[in-house]
Amino acid sequence: MEKGIDYVSVSIDGLPETDTKIRGIPRHYDRAIEGIKILRSVSKDLKINVGTTVLKPNIKEIPQLVEICHNLKVNWFFNLLDTSLYFFRE
């Protein structure tokens, strides 16, 4: 991009309902996806990565997140461990 930005990382921790539950920010998922689409429209060459911390509440949504990222033409990566035991309670 013309201002020297060549890499952006966005955190999405599940599909809309799960992402909101994990992050506590209503519409975070929708705003993150909208932001990715805007960035992609500005630059086809910008490297955009979506990161997900894999947790019990979102593990079954991982295949859908990977597919969404593929469709958006962005990379997907994950973190395996969160230091907060809150997410691992029953």
C-alpha atoms as a PDB file:
ATOM      1  CA  MET A   1       0.000   0.000   0.000  1.00  0.00           C
ATOM      2  CA  GLU A   2       1.186   3.514  -0.604  1.00  0.00           C
ATOM      3  CA  LYS A   3       1.737   4.328   3.109  1.00  0.00           C
ATOM      4  CA  GLY A   4       4.065   1.368   3.614  1.00  0.00           C
ATOM      5  CA  ILE A   5       1.597  -1.078   5.177  1.00  0.00           C
ATOM      6  CA  ASP A   6       2.001  -4.528   3.685  1.00  0.00           C
ATOM      7  CA  TYR A   7       0.581  -6.796   6.394  1.00  0.00           C
ATOM      8  CA  VAL A   8      -2.585  -6.743   8.534  1.00  0.00           C
ATOM      9  CA  SER A   9      -3.694  -9.262  11.128  1.00  0.00           C
ATOM     10  CA  VAL A  10      -7.325  -9.561  12.243  1.00  0.00           C
ATOM     11  CA  SER A  11      -8.583 -11.693  15.134  1.00  0.00           C
ATOM     12  CA  ILE A  12     -11.797 -13.638  14.673  1.00  0.00           C
ATOM     13  CA  ASP A  13     -12.589 -16.287  17.263  1.00  0.00           C
ATOM     14  CA  GLY A  14     -15.624 -17.975  15.765  1.00  0.00           C
ATOM     15  CA  LEU A  15     -18.741 -17.442  13.746  1.00  0.00           C
ATOM     16  CA  PRO A  16     -20.803 -14.383  14.793  1.00  0.00           C
ATOM     17  CA  GLU A  17     -22.490 -15.721  17.925  1.00  0.00           C
ATOM     18  CA  THR A  18     -19.406 -17.553  19.194  1.00  0.00           C
ATOM     19  CA  ASP A  19     -17.078 -14.651  18.403  1.00  0.00           C
ATOM     20  CA  THR A  20     -19.337 -12.302  20.387  1.00  0.00           C
ATOM     21  CA  LYS A  21     -19.452 -14.751  23.309  1.00  0.00           C
ATOM     22  CA  ILE A  22     -15.661 -15.123  23.384  1.00  0.00           C
ATOM     23  CA  ARG A  23     -14.726 -11.490  22.752  1.00  0.00           C
ATOM     24  CA  GLY A  24     -17.650  -9.790  24.483  1.00  0.00           C
ATOM     25  CA  ILE A  25     -17.940  -7.267  21.644  1.00  0.00           C
ATOM     26  CA  PRO A  26     -21.285  -7.284  19.800  1.00  0.00           C
ATOM     27  CA  ARG A  27     -20.930  -7.393  15.991  1.00  0.00           C
ATOM     28  CA  HIS A  28     -17.135  -7.852  16.230  1.00  0.00           C
ATOM     29  CA  TYR A  29     -17.270 -10.642  13.633  1.00  0.00           C
ATOM     30  CA  ASP A  30     -19.347  -8.589  11.186  1.00  0.00           C
ATOM     31  CA  ARG A  31     -17.109  -5.551  11.572  1.00  0.00           C
ATOM     32  CA  ALA A  32     -13.959  -7.629  11.159  1.00  0.00           C
ATOM     33  CA  ILE A  33     -15.278  -9.222   7.941  1.00  0.00           C
ATOM     34  CA  GLU A  34     -16.378  -5.812   6.644  1.00  0.00           C
ATOM     35  CA  GLY A  35     -12.919  -4.407   7.398  1.00  0.00           C
ATOM     36  CA  ILE A  36     -11.246  -7.283   5.567  1.00  0.00           C
ATOM     37  CA  LYS A  37     -13.421  -6.676   2.504  1.00  0.00           C
ATOM     38  CA  ILE A  38     -12.586  -2.959   2.545  1.00  0.00           C
ATOM     39  CA  LEU A  39      -8.858  -3.667   2.857  1.00  0.00           C
ATOM     40  CA  ARG A  40      -9.005  -6.216   0.049  1.00  0.00           C
ATOM     41  CA  SER A  41     -10.818  -3.718  -2.210  1.00  0.00           C
ATOM     42  CA  VAL A  42      -8.078  -1.144  -1.574  1.00  0.00           C
ATOM     43  CA  SER A  43      -5.200  -3.546  -2.240  1.00  0.00           C
ATOM     44  CA  LYS A  44      -5.140  -6.962  -3.856  1.00  0.00           C
ATOM     45  CA  ASP A  45      -1.510  -7.404  -2.729  1.00  0.00           C
ATOM     46  CA  LEU A  46      -1.972  -6.596   0.959  1.00  0.00           C
ATOM     47  CA  LYS A  47      -1.239  -9.641   3.117  1.00  0.00           C
ATOM     48  CA  ILE A  48      -4.210 -10.185   5.413  1.00  0.00           C
ATOM     49  CA  ASN A  49      -4.131 -12.860   8.087  1.00  0.00           C
ATOM     50  CA  VAL A  50      -7.025 -13.927  10.268  1.00  0.00           C
ATOM     51  CA  GLY A  51      -6.022 -15.399  13.613  1.00  0.00           C
ATOM     52  CA  THR A  52      -8.166 -17.623  15.796  1.00  0.00           C
ATOM     53  CA  THR A  53      -7.441 -18.888  19.280  1.00  0.00           C
ATOM     54  CA  VAL A  54      -8.798 -22.430  19.256  1.00  0.00           C
ATOM     55  CA  LEU A  55     -11.022 -22.935  22.279  1.00  0.00           C
ATOM     56  CA  LYS A  56     -13.686 -25.396  23.303  1.00  0.00           C
ATOM     57  CA  PRO A  57     -16.550 -23.064  22.235  1.00  0.00           C
ATOM     58  CA  ASN A  58     -15.185 -22.546  18.685  1.00  0.00           C
ATOM     59  CA  ILE A  59     -13.383 -25.752  17.744  1.00  0.00           C
ATOM     60  CA  LYS A  60     -16.299 -27.114  15.668  1.00  0.00           C
ATOM     61  CA  GLU A  61     -16.436 -23.844  13.678  1.00  0.00           C
ATOM     62  CA  ILE A  62     -12.811 -24.022  12.511  1.00  0.00           C
ATOM     63  CA  PRO A  63     -13.605 -25.635   9.109  1.00  0.00           C
ATOM     64  CA  GLN A  64     -16.131 -22.865   8.366  1.00  0.00           C
ATOM     65  CA  LEU A  65     -13.665 -20.155   9.397  1.00  0.00           C
ATOM     66  CA  VAL A  66     -11.010 -21.646   7.102  1.00  0.00           C
ATOM     67  CA  GLU A  67     -13.506 -21.694   4.220  1.00  0.00           C
ATOM     68  CA  ILE A  68     -14.574 -18.095   4.887  1.00  0.00           C
ATOM     69  CA  CYS A  69     -10.928 -16.996   4.864  1.00  0.00           C
ATOM     70  CA  HIS A  70     -10.312 -18.890   1.637  1.00  0.00           C
ATOM     71  CA  ASN A  71     -13.285 -17.153   0.022  1.00  0.00           C
ATOM     72  CA  LEU A  72     -12.010 -13.765   1.235  1.00  0.00           C
ATOM     73  CA  LYS A  73      -8.543 -14.606  -0.155  1.00  0.00           C
ATOM     74  CA  VAL A  74      -6.844 -14.162   3.211  1.00  0.00           C
ATOM     75  CA  ASN A  75      -4.631 -16.469   5.260  1.00  0.00           C
ATOM     76  CA  TRP A  76      -5.902 -18.188   8.384  1.00  0.00           C
ATOM     77  CA  PHE A  77      -3.775 -19.162  11.362  1.00  0.00           C
ATOM     78  CA  PHE A  78      -4.492 -20.346  14.863  1.00  0.00           C
ATOM     79  CA  ASN A  79      -3.233 -20.286  18.420  1.00  0.00           C
ATOM     80  CA  LEU A  80      -3.563 -23.523  20.344  1.00  0.00           C
ATOM     81  CA  LEU A  81      -3.370 -22.263  23.886  1.00  0.00           C
ATOM     82  CA  ASP A  82      -4.987 -19.430  25.716  1.00  0.00           C
ATOM     83  CA  THR A  83      -3.619 -18.719  29.173  1.00  0.00           C
ATOM     84  CA  SER A  84      -7.127 -18.073  30.492  1.00  0.00           C
ATOM     85  CA  LEU A  85      -8.700 -21.206  31.944  1.00  0.00           C
ATOM     86  CA  TYR A  86     -12.090 -19.443  31.768  1.00  0.00           C
ATOM     87  CA  PHE A  87     -12.713 -20.809  28.285  1.00  0.00           C
ATOM     88  CA  PHE A  88     -12.031 -24.421  29.265  1.00  0.00           C
ATOM     89  CA  ARG A  89     -14.654 -24.681  31.985  1.00  0.00           C
ATOM     90  CA  GLU A  90     -17.753 -26.746  31.372  1.00  0.00           C
END
